[in-house]
Amino acid sequence: MEKLGGISVFVEVVEAGGFSAAASGLNLTRSAVGKTIARLEERLGVRLFHRTTRAQSLTDEGQFFYERCLKALEEIRIGEALLEAGKRTVRGKLRVSMPVIFGRQCIAPILVSLLDEHPELELDLSFNDRIVDLLDDGYDLAIRNGPLKDDENVMARLIAHQRLTICASPSYLEKHGTPETLDDLARHTGIIYGKQDSHRTWVFPTDDDPWRRVQPQSRLRMDDLATICDLAVDGAGLVWLPCWMVREHVAAGRLVRVLTDVRPVVFQSHAVWPRSPVMLPKVRLAIDTLVERLPRLME
């Protein structure tokens, strides 16, 4: 503890600009500050300050030591804050932004379940496919699918892997046959996801080439995945959708997965939040719960 006390006095001297100013800030005498620094220099075996009758300035060794003391003290401060945060009840409003369909079907039910477990927690959930600015828009947490852009203002944690699968209704397969290979897809009707003049090409990782691109025949394109899924159930064609979206339909027999031996496309989902040395308990709770429960819904 005496060593830590010497470090805090040393940092105060540097930041206050001298022994007298540091003594005033620490409510000590100038002599006590000087003796503390002298003992620290003796223990370290180096001179930390150049001293004159009017001022003190750091030596090279002093500057080196000061920079590392700052890091050490910051870690101590963060540790104290984390311990204090762990004592607090999870309370207050948690504002979360999430993609519309993924959020509605997977994220929201998990977060809403926390309300029964934590009566002082409130949820403010926003369903939007745009990338929100966490700080400007005032969100505590956001869910993002796919690759993340570098952003020094946010932190991220992987919460799940999403896998895409090809499905069709039993009635469609009975009428048009079941594709056995990727080449067969070109002879089938697909319901294609697309926005404006662009559309999503179906791609599959292979051993010979990074991506194998296949495009079923289609006269039907739309920008709403839920409608695409509903049309597949009605027998309108093959679809290429996340496993979580078709899981209940497959379990009920309304959709059938095909080409299950083909390696699927897999992408990541992350929780992101504003960068801070201390994570709020309500944010930590939400992320830990998603990490625990969300992967079960992805198959």
Protein backbone atom coordinates (compact mmCIF):
# COMPACT_ATOMS: atom_id res chain seq x y z
CA MET A 1 0.00 0.00 0.00
CA GLU A 2 2.92 2.36 0.71
CA LYS A 3 4.21 1.69 -2.82
CA LEU A 4 0.82 2.55 -4.30
CA GLY A 5 0.70 5.69 -2.19
CA GLY A 6 4.06 6.78 -3.56
CA ILE A 7 2.83 6.25 -7.12
CA SER A 8 -0.31 8.33 -6.60
CA VAL A 9 1.78 11.17 -5.10
CA PHE A 10 4.23 10.95 -8.01
CA VAL A 11 1.41 11.21 -10.57
CA GLU A 12 -0.09 14.15 -8.68
CA VAL A 13 3.24 16.00 -8.71
CA VAL A 14 3.54 15.53 -12.47
CA GLU A 15 -0.01 16.62 -13.19
CA ALA A 16 -0.02 19.51 -10.71
CA GLY A 17 3.24 20.84 -12.11
CA GLY A 18 5.29 20.82 -8.92
CA PHE A 19 5.69 19.69 -5.33
CA SER A 20 3.90 22.67 -3.76
CA ALA A 21 0.83 22.42 -6.00
CA ALA A 22 0.67 18.66 -5.45
CA ALA A 23 0.93 19.11 -1.68
CA SER A 24 -2.00 21.50 -1.76
CA GLY A 25 -4.11 19.09 -3.82
CA LEU A 26 -3.26 16.14 -1.59
CA ASN A 27 -3.66 18.11 1.65
CA LEU A 28 -0.05 17.33 2.60
CA THR A 29 2.97 19.44 3.40
CA ARG A 30 5.51 20.11 0.69
CA SER A 31 8.07 18.31 2.81
CA ALA A 32 5.91 15.18 3.02
CA VAL A 33 5.53 15.14 -0.76
CA GLY A 34 9.26 15.59 -1.24
CA LYS A 35 10.07 12.74 1.14
CA THR A 36 7.59 10.44 -0.59
CA ILE A 37 9.19 11.12 -3.98
CA ALA A 38 12.66 10.64 -2.52
CA ARG A 39 11.70 7.24 -1.10
CA LEU A 40 10.17 6.25 -4.45
CA GLU A 41 13.35 7.26 -6.30
CA GLU A 42 15.47 5.34 -3.81
CA ARG A 43 13.34 2.22 -4.21
CA LEU A 44 13.42 2.43 -8.00
CA GLY A 45 17.09 3.35 -8.14
CA VAL A 46 16.51 6.21 -10.62
CA ARG A 47 15.95 9.96 -10.49
CA LEU A 48 12.43 10.85 -11.56
CA PHE A 49 12.72 14.65 -11.56
CA HIS A 50 15.22 17.30 -12.54
CA ARG A 51 15.05 19.70 -9.58
CA THR A 52 15.90 23.37 -9.52
CA THR A 53 15.13 26.00 -6.92
CA ARG A 54 12.09 27.11 -8.92
CA ALA A 55 10.69 24.04 -10.71
CA GLN A 56 10.79 20.34 -11.29
CA SER A 57 10.70 18.51 -14.64
CA LEU A 58 10.61 14.83 -15.47
CA THR A 59 13.72 12.92 -16.40
CA ASP A 60 13.51 10.43 -19.26
CA GLU A 61 13.11 7.68 -16.67
CA GLY A 62 10.45 9.74 -14.92
CA GLN A 63 8.48 10.19 -18.13
CA PHE A 64 8.67 6.46 -18.85
CA PHE A 65 7.49 5.62 -15.33
CA TYR A 66 4.72 8.24 -15.38
CA GLU A 67 3.14 6.82 -18.54
CA ARG A 68 2.97 3.36 -17.03
CA CYS A 69 1.68 4.62 -13.70
CA LEU A 70 -1.21 6.26 -15.52
CA LYS A 71 -2.16 2.94 -17.10
CA ALA A 72 -1.92 1.13 -13.78
CA LEU A 73 -4.06 3.68 -11.95
CA GLU A 74 -6.64 3.59 -14.74
CA GLU A 75 -6.88 -0.20 -14.45
CA ILE A 76 -7.41 0.14 -10.70
CA ARG A 77 -10.14 2.72 -11.29
CA ILE A 78 -11.86 0.48 -13.83
CA GLY A 79 -11.64 -2.49 -11.47
CA GLU A 80 -13.27 -0.51 -8.67
CA ALA A 81 -16.01 0.68 -11.01
CA LEU A 82 -16.69 -2.85 -12.25
CA LEU A 83 -16.95 -4.17 -8.71
CA GLU A 84 -19.32 -1.37 -7.82
CA ALA A 85 -21.37 -2.03 -10.97
CA GLY A 86 -21.68 -5.68 -10.03
CA LYS A 87 -23.33 -4.71 -6.74
CA ARG A 88 -26.04 -2.68 -8.41
CA THR A 89 -29.46 -3.97 -9.34
CA VAL A 90 -30.15 -4.09 -13.06
CA ARG A 91 -32.48 -1.16 -13.53
CA GLY A 92 -33.40 1.63 -15.88
CA LYS A 93 -34.25 1.87 -19.58
CA LEU A 94 -32.27 -0.20 -22.09
CA ARG A 95 -32.52 1.17 -25.63
CA VAL A 96 -31.75 -1.43 -28.31
CA SER A 97 -31.73 -1.15 -32.12
CA MET A 98 -32.06 -4.32 -34.18
CA PRO A 99 -32.85 -5.53 -37.73
CA VAL A 100 -36.60 -5.78 -38.28
CA ILE A 101 -37.25 -9.48 -38.95
CA PHE A 102 -34.29 -10.92 -37.06
CA GLY A 103 -35.10 -8.65 -34.15
CA ARG A 104 -38.78 -9.46 -34.09
CA GLN A 105 -38.33 -13.23 -34.41
CA CYS A 106 -35.13 -13.86 -32.42
CA ILE A 107 -33.78 -10.91 -30.42
CA ALA A 108 -36.90 -9.31 -28.94
CA PRO A 109 -38.37 -12.47 -27.35
CA ILE A 110 -35.09 -13.10 -25.52
CA LEU A 111 -34.81 -9.53 -24.25
CA VAL A 112 -38.47 -9.32 -23.26
CA SER A 113 -38.03 -12.43 -21.12
CA LEU A 114 -35.64 -10.41 -18.94
CA LEU A 115 -38.48 -8.20 -17.73
CA ASP A 116 -39.91 -11.00 -15.58
CA GLU A 117 -36.50 -11.67 -14.06
CA HIS A 118 -35.61 -8.00 -13.45
CA PRO A 119 -38.61 -5.92 -12.36
CA GLU A 120 -36.70 -2.61 -12.40
CA LEU A 121 -35.55 -3.02 -16.02
CA GLU A 122 -37.31 -1.21 -18.90
CA LEU A 123 -36.90 -1.97 -22.62
CA ASP A 124 -37.11 0.47 -25.51
CA LEU A 125 -36.73 -1.64 -28.68
CA SER A 126 -36.36 -0.18 -32.15
CA PHE A 127 -36.75 -2.32 -35.29
CA ASN A 128 -34.84 -0.80 -38.18
CA ASP A 129 -32.60 -2.25 -40.89
CA ARG A 130 -30.43 0.87 -41.14
CA ILE A 131 -27.13 1.16 -39.26
CA VAL A 132 -27.83 3.56 -36.40
CA ASP A 133 -25.29 5.85 -34.77
CA LEU A 134 -25.26 4.61 -31.20
CA LEU A 135 -24.09 7.88 -29.67
CA ASP A 136 -26.05 10.35 -31.79
CA ASP A 137 -29.25 8.28 -31.69
CA GLY A 138 -28.93 7.47 -28.00
CA TYR A 139 -28.86 3.66 -28.09
CA ASP A 140 -27.29 1.52 -25.38
CA LEU A 141 -26.97 -1.49 -27.67
CA ALA A 142 -27.42 -2.49 -31.32
CA ILE A 143 -27.59 -5.86 -33.09
CA ARG A 144 -25.79 -6.06 -36.44
CA ASN A 145 -25.60 -8.88 -38.97
CA GLY A 146 -22.66 -9.48 -41.28
CA PRO A 147 -19.18 -7.91 -41.31
CA LEU A 148 -18.57 -5.00 -38.96
CA LYS A 149 -16.96 -1.76 -40.05
CA ASP A 150 -13.99 -0.49 -38.06
CA ASP A 151 -15.23 2.04 -35.54
CA GLU A 152 -13.10 3.12 -32.60
CA ASN A 153 -16.16 4.51 -30.83
CA VAL A 154 -17.91 1.17 -30.34
CA MET A 155 -17.20 -2.24 -28.88
CA ALA A 156 -18.58 -5.53 -30.19
CA ARG A 157 -19.19 -9.10 -29.12
CA LEU A 158 -20.12 -12.08 -31.28
CA ILE A 159 -23.55 -13.39 -30.25
CA ALA A 160 -24.39 -15.97 -32.95
CA HIS A 161 -23.60 -17.51 -36.32
CA GLN A 162 -26.37 -17.48 -38.92
CA ARG A 163 -26.57 -20.18 -41.59
CA LEU A 164 -28.48 -19.92 -44.88
CA THR A 165 -30.46 -22.86 -46.22
CA ILE A 166 -32.49 -23.69 -49.36
CA CYS A 167 -36.11 -24.68 -48.83
CA ALA A 168 -39.31 -25.33 -50.72
CA SER A 169 -42.80 -26.52 -49.87
CA PRO A 170 -43.71 -30.20 -50.26
CA SER A 171 -46.23 -29.20 -52.97
CA TYR A 172 -43.55 -27.42 -55.03
CA LEU A 173 -41.13 -30.35 -54.76
CA GLU A 174 -43.86 -32.83 -55.69
CA LYS A 175 -44.68 -30.82 -58.80
CA HIS A 176 -41.17 -29.82 -59.92
CA GLY A 177 -38.90 -32.41 -58.35
CA THR A 178 -36.16 -32.05 -55.73
CA PRO A 179 -32.83 -30.53 -56.80
CA GLU A 180 -29.97 -32.95 -56.22
CA THR A 181 -27.02 -30.71 -57.15
CA LEU A 182 -26.26 -27.00 -57.36
CA ASP A 183 -26.49 -27.26 -61.15
CA ASP A 184 -30.11 -28.34 -60.76
CA LEU A 185 -31.01 -24.99 -59.22
CA ALA A 186 -30.77 -23.24 -62.60
CA ARG A 187 -33.72 -25.34 -63.79
CA HIS A 188 -35.91 -24.44 -60.82
CA THR A 189 -37.98 -21.41 -59.92
CA GLY A 190 -36.67 -19.25 -57.11
CA ILE A 191 -38.09 -16.36 -55.11
CA ILE A 192 -35.28 -13.82 -55.07
CA TYR A 193 -34.49 -11.22 -52.45
CA GLY A 194 -33.58 -7.88 -53.96
CA LYS A 195 -33.82 -4.12 -53.58
CA GLN A 196 -34.38 -1.71 -56.46
CA ASP A 197 -32.27 -2.88 -59.42
CA SER A 198 -30.04 -5.26 -57.46
CA HIS A 199 -30.72 -8.76 -56.19
CA ARG A 200 -28.96 -11.34 -54.07
CA THR A 201 -27.18 -14.04 -56.05
CA TRP A 202 -27.21 -17.40 -54.34
CA VAL A 203 -23.61 -18.29 -53.44
CA PHE A 204 -22.04 -21.36 -51.88
CA PRO A 205 -18.49 -21.94 -50.60
CA THR A 206 -16.68 -24.80 -52.34
CA ASP A 207 -13.31 -26.53 -52.10
CA ASP A 208 -12.30 -25.58 -55.65
CA ASP A 209 -13.46 -21.97 -55.73
CA PRO A 210 -14.18 -19.52 -52.90
CA TRP A 211 -17.75 -19.04 -54.09
CA ARG A 212 -20.01 -20.96 -56.42
CA ARG A 213 -22.69 -18.61 -57.81
CA VAL A 214 -26.04 -20.05 -58.83
CA GLN A 215 -29.17 -18.20 -59.92
CA PRO A 216 -32.52 -20.01 -60.16
CA GLN A 217 -35.03 -18.85 -62.73
CA SER A 218 -37.24 -16.16 -61.32
CA ARG A 219 -39.92 -13.69 -62.28
CA LEU A 220 -40.52 -12.82 -58.63
CA ARG A 221 -38.21 -10.51 -56.66
CA MET A 222 -38.96 -8.62 -53.46
CA ASP A 223 -37.24 -6.86 -50.59
CA ASP A 224 -39.12 -8.46 -47.71
CA LEU A 225 -37.80 -11.76 -46.36
CA ALA A 226 -40.96 -12.57 -44.41
CA THR A 227 -43.09 -12.36 -47.54
CA ILE A 228 -40.57 -14.52 -49.41
CA CYS A 229 -40.88 -17.14 -46.69
CA ASP A 230 -44.70 -17.02 -46.80
CA LEU A 231 -44.71 -17.46 -50.58
CA ALA A 232 -42.40 -20.46 -50.28
CA VAL A 233 -44.86 -22.06 -47.88
CA ASP A 234 -47.57 -21.44 -50.50
CA GLY A 235 -45.50 -23.32 -53.09
CA ALA A 236 -44.25 -20.41 -55.22
CA GLY A 237 -40.66 -21.69 -55.49
CA LEU A 238 -37.32 -22.35 -53.83
CA VAL A 239 -35.99 -19.85 -51.30
CA TRP A 240 -32.58 -19.19 -49.75
CA LEU A 241 -33.15 -17.98 -46.21
CA PRO A 242 -31.61 -18.05 -42.73
CA CYS A 243 -32.28 -21.24 -40.81
CA TRP A 244 -33.94 -19.37 -37.94
CA MET A 245 -36.56 -17.97 -40.30
CA VAL A 246 -37.68 -21.34 -41.66
CA ARG A 247 -37.11 -23.44 -38.54
CA GLU A 248 -40.73 -23.60 -37.39
CA HIS A 249 -42.03 -24.18 -40.92
CA VAL A 250 -39.58 -27.07 -41.38
CA ALA A 251 -40.55 -28.57 -38.03
CA ALA A 252 -44.24 -28.37 -39.00
CA GLY A 253 -43.63 -29.89 -42.45
CA ARG A 254 -44.66 -26.75 -44.34
CA LEU A 255 -41.15 -26.41 -45.80
CA VAL A 256 -38.46 -28.96 -46.66
CA ARG A 257 -34.73 -28.26 -46.69
CA VAL A 258 -32.96 -29.39 -49.86
CA LEU A 259 -29.29 -29.76 -50.81
CA THR A 260 -28.46 -30.23 -47.15
CA ASP A 261 -25.09 -31.78 -48.05
CA VAL A 262 -23.94 -28.51 -49.69
CA ARG A 263 -21.72 -26.34 -47.52
CA PRO A 264 -23.85 -23.38 -46.40
CA VAL A 265 -23.04 -19.69 -46.23
CA VAL A 266 -22.48 -18.66 -42.61
CA PHE A 267 -22.29 -15.11 -41.33
CA GLN A 268 -21.96 -13.53 -37.91
CA SER A 269 -24.25 -11.50 -35.69
CA HIS A 270 -22.76 -9.06 -33.18
CA ALA A 271 -23.94 -6.93 -30.32
CA VAL A 272 -22.31 -3.49 -30.41
CA TRP A 273 -22.33 -0.75 -27.80
CA PRO A 274 -20.63 2.61 -27.19
CA ARG A 275 -17.02 2.27 -26.09
CA SER A 276 -16.62 2.79 -22.35
CA PRO A 277 -14.19 1.54 -19.68
CA VAL A 278 -17.14 0.24 -17.68
CA MET A 279 -20.08 -1.71 -19.13
CA LEU A 280 -23.45 -0.84 -17.64
CA PRO A 281 -25.06 -3.80 -15.81
CA LYS A 282 -28.17 -3.66 -18.02
CA VAL A 283 -26.02 -3.85 -21.18
CA ARG A 284 -23.92 -6.71 -19.80
CA LEU A 285 -27.06 -8.61 -18.83
CA ALA A 286 -28.59 -8.25 -22.30
CA ILE A 287 -25.43 -9.34 -24.12
CA ASP A 288 -24.69 -12.29 -21.81
CA THR A 289 -28.28 -13.49 -22.19
CA LEU A 290 -28.17 -13.24 -25.99
CA VAL A 291 -24.86 -15.13 -26.11
CA GLU A 292 -26.38 -17.89 -24.00
CA ARG A 293 -29.80 -18.24 -25.65
CA LEU A 294 -29.57 -17.01 -29.23
CA PRO A 295 -27.47 -19.86 -30.74
CA ARG A 296 -30.28 -22.32 -29.95
CA LEU A 297 -32.53 -20.47 -32.40
CA MET A 298 -30.00 -20.42 -35.26
CA GLU A 299 -30.29 -24.06 -36.33
